[in-house]
């Protein structure tokens, strides 16, 4: 009888000690208590490989001696690989988003002539005659004008918002192609910007 009372008292004591922890755990958001992937595999793996495209933008900027664009392109390349290797909520995610945001704003300033000599065309131009070949050698392709680059940047942001919308609904089979398109469009747009930029 005495041992039964003792075991009952011990179990009550344990329930008092454990109880508050369970109540606390129920109130803490799931993503705080467990490192959850923002985008699950295999979709996050595709985005990781897609970040390799930013090396082309970095090389393209270096060929045209746009060192600010080159450094920011390399930063986006590193931040993207670092985040998408294991995409969880936290500092690596915010660093990637900040790197992309700064790079987009800087390139827009370059295109409009706020930084450097600007594009070799009027502000209303969609296209312009390139001053240099696309990658320093080879045939010349039309370069983007200021209006063309602004429209492309708008499309870039719209595609990203579309990807975020579907990702928030866990529709990763839809959001991932949109996000891959964002990577492709951003890189192509910047590569077609550099040949039309005037010397500083």
Protein backbone atom coordinates (compact mmCIF):
# COMPACT_ATOMS: atom_id res chain seq x y z
CA UNK A 1 0.00 0.00 0.00
CA UNK A 2 2.82 2.37 0.95
CA UNK A 3 4.75 1.55 -2.25
CA UNK A 4 1.62 2.20 -4.35
CA UNK A 5 1.25 5.65 -2.73
CA UNK A 6 4.95 6.38 -3.40
CA UNK A 7 4.73 5.41 -7.08
CA UNK A 8 1.55 7.53 -7.47
CA UNK A 9 3.31 10.55 -5.92
CA UNK A 10 6.33 10.07 -8.20
CA UNK A 11 4.15 9.83 -11.33
CA UNK A 12 2.25 13.02 -10.30
CA UNK A 13 5.55 14.82 -9.76
CA UNK A 14 6.79 13.68 -13.19
CA UNK A 15 3.59 14.83 -14.88
CA UNK A 16 3.96 18.28 -13.24
CA UNK A 17 7.55 18.54 -14.50
CA UNK A 18 6.83 17.28 -18.01
CA UNK A 19 3.45 18.99 -18.45
CA UNK A 20 4.64 22.59 -18.89
CA UNK A 21 7.19 21.48 -21.52
CA UNK A 22 4.44 19.91 -23.62
CA UNK A 23 2.29 23.02 -23.26
CA UNK A 24 5.24 25.19 -24.31
CA UNK A 25 6.00 22.95 -27.27
CA UNK A 26 2.41 23.23 -28.49
CA UNK A 27 2.65 27.05 -28.45
CA UNK A 28 6.04 27.32 -30.25
CA UNK A 29 5.77 27.42 -34.08
CA UNK A 30 6.83 24.20 -35.77
CA UNK A 31 9.57 25.85 -37.85
CA UNK A 32 11.26 27.10 -34.66
CA UNK A 33 11.21 23.73 -32.89
CA UNK A 34 12.42 21.79 -35.93
CA UNK A 35 14.65 22.83 -38.86
CA UNK A 36 12.16 22.32 -41.64
CA UNK A 37 13.09 22.63 -45.34
CA UNK A 38 11.49 25.65 -47.01
CA UNK A 39 11.46 23.73 -50.31
CA UNK A 40 11.68 19.92 -50.05
CA UNK A 41 13.85 17.65 -52.17
CA UNK A 42 14.10 17.04 -55.11
CA UNK A 43 12.89 20.59 -55.88
CA UNK A 44 15.52 22.28 -53.69
CA UNK A 45 18.22 20.20 -55.40
CA UNK A 46 17.17 21.55 -58.83
CA UNK A 47 17.39 25.11 -57.51
CA UNK A 48 20.82 24.37 -56.03
CA UNK A 49 22.14 23.27 -59.43
CA UNK A 50 20.43 26.23 -61.10
CA UNK A 51 22.51 28.62 -58.97
CA UNK A 52 25.49 27.62 -61.12
CA UNK A 53 24.12 29.98 -63.79
CA UNK A 54 25.21 32.96 -61.70
CA UNK A 55 28.82 32.07 -62.49
CA UNK A 56 28.07 32.98 -66.14
CA UNK A 57 26.78 36.40 -65.07
CA UNK A 58 29.92 36.89 -62.95
CA UNK A 59 32.22 35.99 -65.86
CA UNK A 60 30.19 38.16 -68.27
CA UNK A 61 30.50 41.18 -65.98
CA UNK A 62 34.26 40.60 -65.61
CA UNK A 63 34.71 40.37 -69.41
CA UNK A 64 33.07 43.79 -69.76
CA UNK A 65 35.03 45.18 -66.78
CA UNK A 66 31.93 45.87 -64.72
CA UNK A 67 33.56 45.07 -61.41
CA UNK A 68 30.65 46.11 -59.20
CA UNK A 69 28.31 43.82 -61.17
CA UNK A 70 30.97 41.10 -61.11
CA UNK A 71 31.38 41.20 -57.31
CA UNK A 72 27.62 41.20 -56.72
CA UNK A 73 27.11 38.37 -59.21
CA UNK A 74 29.72 36.31 -57.36
CA UNK A 75 28.04 37.15 -54.04
CA UNK A 76 24.67 35.93 -55.37
CA UNK A 77 26.38 32.77 -56.68
CA UNK A 78 27.90 31.97 -53.26
CA UNK A 79 24.81 32.95 -51.24
CA UNK A 80 22.56 30.88 -53.53
CA UNK A 81 24.70 27.75 -53.26
CA UNK A 82 25.03 28.20 -49.50
CA UNK A 83 21.26 28.52 -49.04
CA UNK A 84 19.93 25.95 -51.52
CA UNK A 85 22.26 23.17 -50.32
CA UNK A 86 19.93 22.91 -47.30
CA UNK A 87 17.15 25.54 -47.55
CA UNK A 88 15.88 26.15 -44.02
CA UNK A 89 14.50 29.29 -42.36
CA UNK A 90 17.27 31.38 -40.87
CA UNK A 91 20.26 33.60 -41.55
CA UNK A 92 21.39 31.82 -44.76
CA UNK A 93 17.96 32.40 -46.31
CA UNK A 94 17.94 36.10 -45.44
CA UNK A 95 21.52 36.49 -46.70
CA UNK A 96 20.52 34.99 -50.06
CA UNK A 97 17.46 37.24 -50.36
CA UNK A 98 19.49 40.33 -49.40
CA UNK A 99 22.24 39.51 -51.93
CA UNK A 100 19.69 39.12 -54.75
CA UNK A 101 17.81 42.31 -53.79
CA UNK A 102 20.99 44.43 -53.67
CA UNK A 103 22.16 42.98 -57.01
CA UNK A 104 18.84 43.71 -58.74
CA UNK A 105 18.78 47.31 -57.46
CA UNK A 106 22.43 47.90 -58.40
CA UNK A 107 21.96 46.54 -61.93
CA UNK A 108 18.88 48.72 -62.38
CA UNK A 109 20.93 51.77 -61.33
CA UNK A 110 23.65 50.77 -63.83
CA UNK A 111 21.06 50.35 -66.62
CA UNK A 112 19.54 53.79 -65.95
CA UNK A 113 22.92 55.52 -65.73
CA UNK A 114 22.69 56.32 -62.02
CA UNK A 115 25.93 54.35 -61.61
CA UNK A 116 28.46 54.52 -64.46
CA UNK A 117 27.87 55.70 -68.03
CA UNK A 118 24.53 53.95 -68.56
CA UNK A 119 23.29 52.15 -71.69
CA UNK A 120 24.29 53.39 -75.14
CA UNK A 121 20.68 54.31 -76.04
CA UNK A 122 17.82 56.65 -75.15
CA UNK A 123 15.76 55.85 -72.06
CA UNK A 124 12.80 54.73 -74.22
CA UNK A 125 14.81 52.12 -76.17
CA UNK A 126 13.99 48.42 -75.84
CA UNK A 127 17.18 47.36 -77.65
CA UNK A 128 20.44 49.04 -78.53
CA UNK A 129 23.47 48.44 -80.70
CA UNK A 130 26.08 46.60 -78.63
CA UNK A 131 29.42 48.31 -78.07
CA UNK A 132 31.17 44.97 -77.53
CA UNK A 133 30.48 41.26 -78.26
CA UNK A 134 28.37 39.40 -75.69
CA UNK A 135 31.26 37.57 -74.02
CA UNK A 136 34.14 39.69 -75.30
CA UNK A 137 34.57 37.65 -78.50
CA UNK A 138 32.32 36.26 -81.21
CA UNK A 139 29.32 37.76 -83.00
CA UNK A 140 27.52 40.77 -81.57
CA UNK A 141 23.94 40.31 -80.39
CA UNK A 142 21.49 43.14 -79.63
CA UNK A 143 21.90 44.56 -76.14
CA UNK A 144 19.00 45.56 -73.90
CA UNK A 145 18.00 49.22 -73.80
CA UNK A 146 16.86 50.95 -70.57
CA UNK A 147 13.14 50.30 -71.15
CA UNK A 148 13.84 46.72 -72.23
CA UNK A 149 15.87 46.07 -69.09
CA UNK A 150 13.22 47.71 -66.87
CA UNK A 151 10.49 45.49 -68.39
CA UNK A 152 12.67 42.43 -67.94
CA UNK A 153 13.26 43.35 -64.29
CA UNK A 154 9.50 43.75 -63.80
CA UNK A 155 8.95 40.28 -65.33
CA UNK A 156 11.72 38.91 -63.07
CA UNK A 157 9.99 40.23 -59.92
CA UNK A 158 6.53 39.07 -61.13
CA UNK A 159 7.84 35.54 -61.76
CA UNK A 160 9.45 35.47 -58.32
CA UNK A 161 6.19 36.55 -56.66
CA UNK A 162 4.37 33.82 -58.59
CA UNK A 163 6.90 31.26 -57.36
CA UNK A 164 6.48 32.49 -53.76
CA UNK A 165 2.67 32.29 -54.06
CA UNK A 166 2.71 28.63 -55.11
CA UNK A 167 5.44 27.75 -52.59
CA UNK A 168 3.31 29.20 -49.77
CA UNK A 169 0.55 26.80 -50.82
CA UNK A 170 3.04 23.88 -50.86
CA UNK A 171 2.62 23.55 -54.65
CA UNK A 172 6.33 22.97 -55.20
CA UNK A 173 5.78 21.22 -58.54
CA UNK A 174 4.48 24.59 -59.82
CA UNK A 175 6.65 27.02 -57.81
CA UNK A 176 9.96 25.39 -58.74
CA UNK A 177 9.67 25.88 -62.55
CA UNK A 178 8.74 29.52 -61.91
CA UNK A 179 11.79 29.94 -59.65
CA UNK A 180 14.05 28.23 -62.20
CA UNK A 181 12.70 30.71 -64.75
CA UNK A 182 13.63 33.57 -62.42
CA UNK A 183 17.25 32.35 -62.33
CA UNK A 184 17.38 31.96 -66.12
CA UNK A 185 15.74 35.32 -66.90
CA UNK A 186 17.92 37.22 -64.43
CA UNK A 187 21.13 35.79 -65.86
CA UNK A 188 20.18 36.29 -69.51
CA UNK A 189 18.99 39.83 -68.84
CA UNK A 190 22.23 40.84 -67.16
CA UNK A 191 24.38 39.17 -69.83
CA UNK A 192 22.48 41.16 -72.48
CA UNK A 193 22.86 44.37 -70.47
CA UNK A 194 26.67 44.46 -70.25
CA UNK A 195 27.53 44.76 -74.01
CA UNK A 196 25.48 47.96 -74.37
CA UNK A 197 26.94 49.81 -71.39
CA UNK A 198 29.03 52.89 -72.13
CA UNK A 199 32.57 53.06 -70.75
CA UNK A 200 32.71 54.77 -67.35
